[in-house]
Structures are given as C-alpha cells and as structure tokens.
Amino acid sequence: MDISDCLSLEDLARARKIVSVMRFRSLLAATAGGLIFSGLVAAVWLWLRPDELPASVFLAAAAYVIFGLPLLLHWVRHWRKIRQRLANVELQIRAGEMVYGSQVQFH
C-alpha cells in the first residue's frame, strides 16, 4: 500500500459532501418516481372509467404504498448504510489506524 492511498479526515469531509448530494438526488428521484407512477395509475383508471374518481384516488394511494414507498425505503436504508460506513471509517482514522482508500468498501 502506498502512503498516498491513506485516507484523512479531509478526504472523509469531501466524501460526505458528495454522498450528501447523491443521497438527496436519489431520494428525490425515488419519491418523484413513486408519485409519478401513482399518478399514471390514477390517470389510466380515470381514462378507462371517467366517473370513478374515488376509485382512482384509492388506486393511486395503493400503488404508492405497494410500489413507491418500498422503493423509497430501500434507498433510505441504502444511504443509511453508507453514512454508517463513513462514520466507522472516521472512527478508525481518529483512533490512529491507517485506513487505505482502496480497502474501504460499501455494500
């Protein structure tokens, strides 16, 4: 391992900024995707049966609960794991361990 591959607290600060932006974008996309899908379900139902507005609202809510919410929760858990891994790496660095960037993995 090369000394230039060692992580510092400044490297972690930059990584956290990047992760923050990526997290915001992916959570926004997951939220918007679920809402758009639910809206499409409602629109298709209204197109097929124009006088059943309550049923289309129910179908939109059900589609969000069944498809949109699990997608959003998946990404929330994903980013929580990454933030936890960054916190663990920070603890290792603060403890004086040599942490190499090539050995840090996120799953």
N, C-alpha and C. Protein backbone atom coordinates (compact mmCIF):
# COMPACT_ATOMS: atom_id res chain seq x y z
N MET A 1 0.82 -1.18 0.00
CA MET A 1 0.00 0.00 0.00
C MET A 1 0.87 1.25 0.00
N ASP A 2 0.42 2.22 -0.71
CA ASP A 2 1.15 3.48 -0.83
C ASP A 2 0.59 4.48 0.19
N ILE A 3 1.43 5.32 0.71
CA ILE A 3 1.02 6.31 1.70
C ILE A 3 0.02 7.32 1.12
N SER A 4 0.05 7.52 -0.19
CA SER A 4 -0.89 8.46 -0.81
C SER A 4 -2.32 7.89 -0.85
N ASP A 5 -2.44 6.59 -0.58
CA ASP A 5 -3.75 5.95 -0.57
C ASP A 5 -4.42 6.04 0.80
N CYS A 6 -3.70 6.58 1.79
CA CYS A 6 -4.26 6.71 3.15
C CYS A 6 -5.33 7.80 3.17
N LEU A 7 -6.41 7.50 3.86
CA LEU A 7 -7.49 8.47 3.98
C LEU A 7 -7.24 9.41 5.15
N SER A 8 -7.70 10.63 4.98
CA SER A 8 -7.61 11.61 6.06
C SER A 8 -9.01 12.13 6.36
N LEU A 9 -9.12 12.93 7.41
CA LEU A 9 -10.42 13.50 7.75
C LEU A 9 -10.93 14.44 6.67
N GLU A 10 -10.01 15.11 5.98
CA GLU A 10 -10.41 15.99 4.87
C GLU A 10 -11.01 15.16 3.73
N ASP A 11 -10.43 13.99 3.47
CA ASP A 11 -10.98 13.12 2.43
C ASP A 11 -12.40 12.69 2.79
N LEU A 12 -12.59 12.38 4.06
CA LEU A 12 -13.93 11.99 4.51
C LEU A 12 -14.92 13.15 4.41
N ALA A 13 -14.47 14.35 4.69
CA ALA A 13 -15.36 15.51 4.57
C ALA A 13 -15.81 15.69 3.12
N ARG A 14 -14.87 15.54 2.19
CA ARG A 14 -15.23 15.65 0.77
C ARG A 14 -16.17 14.52 0.37
N ALA A 15 -15.90 13.32 0.87
CA ALA A 15 -16.77 12.18 0.54
C ALA A 15 -18.17 12.40 1.09
N ARG A 16 -18.26 12.95 2.28
CA ARG A 16 -19.58 13.20 2.88
C ARG A 16 -20.37 14.23 2.07
N LYS A 17 -19.70 15.24 1.55
CA LYS A 17 -20.39 16.23 0.72
C LYS A 17 -20.93 15.58 -0.54
N ILE A 18 -20.11 14.75 -1.17
CA ILE A 18 -20.53 14.07 -2.39
C ILE A 18 -21.67 13.11 -2.10
N VAL A 19 -21.56 12.36 -1.02
CA VAL A 19 -22.61 11.42 -0.63
C VAL A 19 -23.90 12.16 -0.33
N SER A 20 -23.80 13.31 0.30
CA SER A 20 -24.99 14.10 0.63
C SER A 20 -25.74 14.51 -0.63
N VAL A 21 -25.01 14.97 -1.64
CA VAL A 21 -25.65 15.38 -2.89
C VAL A 21 -26.27 14.17 -3.59
N MET A 22 -25.52 13.07 -3.65
CA MET A 22 -26.03 11.87 -4.31
C MET A 22 -27.25 11.32 -3.57
N ARG A 23 -27.22 11.36 -2.24
CA ARG A 23 -28.34 10.88 -1.43
C ARG A 23 -29.58 11.72 -1.71
N PHE A 24 -29.44 13.03 -1.72
CA PHE A 24 -30.57 13.91 -1.98
C PHE A 24 -31.18 13.62 -3.34
N ARG A 25 -30.32 13.48 -4.35
CA ARG A 25 -30.83 13.25 -5.70
C ARG A 25 -31.54 11.91 -5.82
N SER A 26 -30.97 10.87 -5.24
CA SER A 26 -31.60 9.55 -5.38
C SER A 26 -32.89 9.47 -4.58
N LEU A 27 -32.94 10.08 -3.39
CA LEU A 27 -34.19 10.08 -2.62
C LEU A 27 -35.26 10.92 -3.31
N LEU A 28 -34.85 12.02 -3.92
CA LEU A 28 -35.80 12.84 -4.67
C LEU A 28 -36.34 12.06 -5.87
N ALA A 29 -35.46 11.35 -6.57
CA ALA A 29 -35.90 10.56 -7.72
C ALA A 29 -36.81 9.42 -7.30
N ALA A 30 -36.49 8.77 -6.18
CA ALA A 30 -37.35 7.68 -5.71
C ALA A 30 -38.72 8.19 -5.30
N THR A 31 -38.75 9.33 -4.63
CA THR A 31 -40.03 9.91 -4.21
C THR A 31 -40.84 10.34 -5.44
N ALA A 32 -40.18 11.05 -6.34
CA ALA A 32 -40.88 11.51 -7.54
C ALA A 32 -41.32 10.34 -8.40
N GLY A 33 -40.49 9.32 -8.52
CA GLY A 33 -40.86 8.15 -9.32
C GLY A 33 -42.09 7.46 -8.79
N GLY A 34 -42.16 7.30 -7.47
CA GLY A 34 -43.34 6.68 -6.88
C GLY A 34 -44.60 7.51 -7.09
N LEU A 35 -44.45 8.82 -6.95
CA LEU A 35 -45.61 9.70 -7.13
C LEU A 35 -46.05 9.75 -8.60
N ILE A 36 -45.09 9.76 -9.50
CA ILE A 36 -45.43 9.77 -10.93
C ILE A 36 -46.13 8.48 -11.32
N PHE A 37 -45.59 7.35 -10.83
CA PHE A 37 -46.23 6.07 -11.13
C PHE A 37 -47.65 6.02 -10.58
N SER A 38 -47.83 6.50 -9.37
CA SER A 38 -49.18 6.53 -8.78
C SER A 38 -50.11 7.43 -9.59
N GLY A 39 -49.59 8.56 -10.03
CA GLY A 39 -50.39 9.46 -10.86
C GLY A 39 -50.77 8.82 -12.18
N LEU A 40 -49.85 8.06 -12.77
CA LEU A 40 -50.17 7.37 -14.02
C LEU A 40 -51.24 6.31 -13.81
N VAL A 41 -51.16 5.59 -12.70
CA VAL A 41 -52.19 4.59 -12.40
C VAL A 41 -53.55 5.27 -12.29
N ALA A 42 -53.60 6.38 -11.58
CA ALA A 42 -54.86 7.11 -11.43
C ALA A 42 -55.35 7.64 -12.78
N ALA A 43 -54.43 8.15 -13.58
CA ALA A 43 -54.83 8.69 -14.89
C ALA A 43 -55.37 7.60 -15.81
N VAL A 44 -54.73 6.45 -15.79
CA VAL A 44 -55.22 5.34 -16.63
C VAL A 44 -56.59 4.89 -16.16
N TRP A 45 -56.79 4.81 -14.85
CA TRP A 45 -58.10 4.41 -14.32
C TRP A 45 -59.17 5.43 -14.71
N LEU A 46 -58.82 6.73 -14.59
CA LEU A 46 -59.79 7.76 -14.98
C LEU A 46 -60.05 7.76 -16.47
N TRP A 47 -59.07 7.39 -17.26
CA TRP A 47 -59.27 7.32 -18.70
C TRP A 47 -60.21 6.18 -19.06
N LEU A 48 -60.05 5.06 -18.33
CA LEU A 48 -60.92 3.91 -18.61
C LEU A 48 -62.31 4.10 -18.02
N ARG A 49 -62.40 4.70 -16.85
CA ARG A 49 -63.68 4.91 -16.17
C ARG A 49 -63.72 6.33 -15.63
N PRO A 50 -64.10 7.30 -16.45
CA PRO A 50 -64.00 8.71 -16.08
C PRO A 50 -64.84 9.14 -14.89
N ASP A 51 -65.89 8.42 -14.55
CA ASP A 51 -66.76 8.86 -13.47
C ASP A 51 -66.44 8.19 -12.13
N GLU A 52 -65.30 7.54 -12.00
CA GLU A 52 -64.94 6.86 -10.75
C GLU A 52 -63.70 7.51 -10.12
N LEU A 53 -63.84 8.74 -9.72
CA LEU A 53 -62.74 9.48 -9.11
C LEU A 53 -62.28 8.88 -7.77
N PRO A 54 -63.18 8.51 -6.87
CA PRO A 54 -62.72 7.93 -5.60
C PRO A 54 -61.91 6.64 -5.80
N ALA A 55 -62.30 5.84 -6.76
CA ALA A 55 -61.57 4.60 -7.03
C ALA A 55 -60.17 4.90 -7.57
N SER A 56 -60.05 5.93 -8.40
CA SER A 56 -58.73 6.27 -8.93
C SER A 56 -57.81 6.81 -7.84
N VAL A 57 -58.38 7.57 -6.90
CA VAL A 57 -57.58 8.08 -5.77
C VAL A 57 -57.12 6.91 -4.91
N PHE A 58 -58.01 5.96 -4.67
CA PHE A 58 -57.65 4.78 -3.89
C PHE A 58 -56.55 3.98 -4.60
N LEU A 59 -56.69 3.79 -5.90
CA LEU A 59 -55.68 3.04 -6.65
C LEU A 59 -54.33 3.77 -6.65
N ALA A 60 -54.36 5.08 -6.74
CA ALA A 60 -53.11 5.85 -6.69
C ALA A 60 -52.43 5.68 -5.34
N ALA A 61 -53.20 5.76 -4.27
CA ALA A 61 -52.64 5.58 -2.92
C ALA A 61 -52.12 4.16 -2.74
N ALA A 62 -52.86 3.18 -3.22
CA ALA A 62 -52.42 1.79 -3.10
C ALA A 62 -51.16 1.55 -3.92
N ALA A 63 -51.08 2.12 -5.11
CA ALA A 63 -49.88 1.96 -5.95
C ALA A 63 -48.67 2.58 -5.28
N TYR A 64 -48.85 3.71 -4.62
CA TYR A 64 -47.72 4.33 -3.92
C TYR A 64 -47.28 3.47 -2.74
N VAL A 65 -48.23 2.95 -1.99
CA VAL A 65 -47.89 2.12 -0.83
C VAL A 65 -47.22 0.82 -1.28
N ILE A 66 -47.68 0.24 -2.36
CA ILE A 66 -47.14 -1.04 -2.81
C ILE A 66 -45.83 -0.89 -3.58
N PHE A 67 -45.70 0.15 -4.40
CA PHE A 67 -44.52 0.29 -5.24
C PHE A 67 -43.61 1.46 -4.84
N GLY A 68 -44.17 2.62 -4.63
CA GLY A 68 -43.36 3.81 -4.38
C GLY A 68 -42.70 3.82 -3.01
N LEU A 69 -43.44 3.48 -1.99
CA LEU A 69 -42.90 3.51 -0.63
C LEU A 69 -41.78 2.49 -0.42
N PRO A 70 -41.93 1.23 -0.88
CA PRO A 70 -40.81 0.30 -0.73
C PRO A 70 -39.54 0.76 -1.46
N LEU A 71 -39.71 1.38 -2.62
CA LEU A 71 -38.56 1.90 -3.34
C LEU A 71 -37.86 3.00 -2.54
N LEU A 72 -38.65 3.90 -1.99
CA LEU A 72 -38.09 4.97 -1.17
C LEU A 72 -37.41 4.42 0.07
N LEU A 73 -38.03 3.46 0.74
CA LEU A 73 -37.43 2.87 1.93
C LEU A 73 -36.14 2.12 1.61
N HIS A 74 -36.08 1.48 0.47
CA HIS A 74 -34.85 0.81 0.05
C HIS A 74 -33.69 1.81 -0.04
N TRP A 75 -33.95 2.93 -0.68
CA TRP A 75 -32.88 3.92 -0.85
C TRP A 75 -32.51 4.61 0.47
N VAL A 76 -33.49 4.81 1.34
CA VAL A 76 -33.18 5.38 2.65
C VAL A 76 -32.24 4.44 3.41
N ARG A 77 -32.56 3.14 3.42
CA ARG A 77 -31.69 2.17 4.10
C ARG A 77 -30.32 2.10 3.45
N HIS A 78 -30.28 2.15 2.13
CA HIS A 78 -29.01 2.11 1.40
C HIS A 78 -28.10 3.25 1.82
N TRP A 79 -28.63 4.46 1.82
CA TRP A 79 -27.80 5.62 2.17
C TRP A 79 -27.46 5.65 3.66
N ARG A 80 -28.32 5.09 4.48
CA ARG A 80 -28.01 5.00 5.91
C ARG A 80 -26.81 4.09 6.14
N LYS A 81 -26.75 2.99 5.39
CA LYS A 81 -25.60 2.08 5.50
C LYS A 81 -24.31 2.77 5.06
N ILE A 82 -24.38 3.55 4.00
CA ILE A 82 -23.19 4.25 3.52
C ILE A 82 -22.74 5.29 4.54
N ARG A 83 -23.67 6.03 5.11
CA ARG A 83 -23.30 7.02 6.13
C ARG A 83 -22.71 6.35 7.37
N GLN A 84 -23.24 5.19 7.73
CA GLN A 84 -22.70 4.45 8.87
C GLN A 84 -21.28 3.97 8.57
N ARG A 85 -21.05 3.51 7.35
CA ARG A 85 -19.71 3.06 6.97
C ARG A 85 -18.73 4.23 7.00
N LEU A 86 -19.14 5.39 6.54
CA LEU A 86 -18.28 6.57 6.63
C LEU A 86 -17.98 6.93 8.08
N ALA A 87 -18.96 6.79 8.95
CA ALA A 87 -18.73 7.07 10.37
C ALA A 87 -17.75 6.07 10.96
N ASN A 88 -17.86 4.81 10.56
CA ASN A 88 -16.91 3.80 11.04
C ASN A 88 -15.49 4.09 10.57
N VAL A 89 -15.36 4.51 9.33
CA VAL A 89 -14.03 4.85 8.81
C VAL A 89 -13.48 6.06 9.57
N GLU A 90 -14.32 7.03 9.86
CA GLU A 90 -13.86 8.18 10.63
C GLU A 90 -13.37 7.77 12.02
N LEU A 91 -14.10 6.86 12.65
CA LEU A 91 -13.66 6.37 13.96
C LEU A 91 -12.30 5.68 13.88
N GLN A 92 -12.10 4.92 12.81
CA GLN A 92 -10.81 4.25 12.62
C GLN A 92 -9.69 5.27 12.45
N ILE A 93 -9.94 6.31 11.67
CA ILE A 93 -8.91 7.33 11.44
C ILE A 93 -8.63 8.08 12.73
N ARG A 94 -9.67 8.44 13.45
CA ARG A 94 -9.47 9.17 14.72
C ARG A 94 -8.76 8.30 15.76
N ALA A 95 -8.90 6.99 15.64
CA ALA A 95 -8.20 6.09 16.56
C ALA A 95 -6.74 5.90 16.19
N GLY A 96 -6.32 6.48 15.07
CA GLY A 96 -4.93 6.42 14.66
C GLY A 96 -4.59 5.28 13.71
N GLU A 97 -5.61 4.58 13.23
CA GLU A 97 -5.37 3.49 12.29
C GLU A 97 -5.08 4.06 10.90
N MET A 98 -4.29 3.31 10.14
CA MET A 98 -4.03 3.67 8.76
C MET A 98 -5.13 3.03 7.91
N VAL A 99 -6.00 3.84 7.36
CA VAL A 99 -7.10 3.35 6.54
C VAL A 99 -6.78 3.69 5.09
N TYR A 100 -6.73 2.66 4.27
CA TYR A 100 -6.41 2.86 2.85
C TYR A 100 -7.70 2.94 2.05
N GLY A 101 -7.76 3.91 1.17
CA GLY A 101 -8.96 4.13 0.35
C GLY A 101 -9.30 2.93 -0.52
N SER A 102 -8.30 2.22 -0.99
CA SER A 102 -8.56 1.07 -1.85
C SER A 102 -9.16 -0.10 -1.08
N GLN A 103 -9.09 -0.06 0.24
CA GLN A 103 -9.65 -1.15 1.04
C GLN A 103 -11.03 -0.84 1.62
N VAL A 104 -11.47 0.39 1.50
CA VAL A 104 -12.79 0.76 2.01
C VAL A 104 -13.83 0.35 0.98
N GLN A 105 -14.80 -0.44 1.42
CA GLN A 105 -15.84 -0.93 0.52
C GLN A 105 -17.20 -0.56 1.08
N PHE A 106 -18.12 -0.29 0.17
CA PHE A 106 -19.50 -0.01 0.52
C PHE A 106 -20.37 -1.04 -0.15
N HIS A 107 -21.21 -1.70 0.62
CA HIS A 107 -22.09 -2.73 0.07
C HIS A 107 -23.51 -2.30 0.22
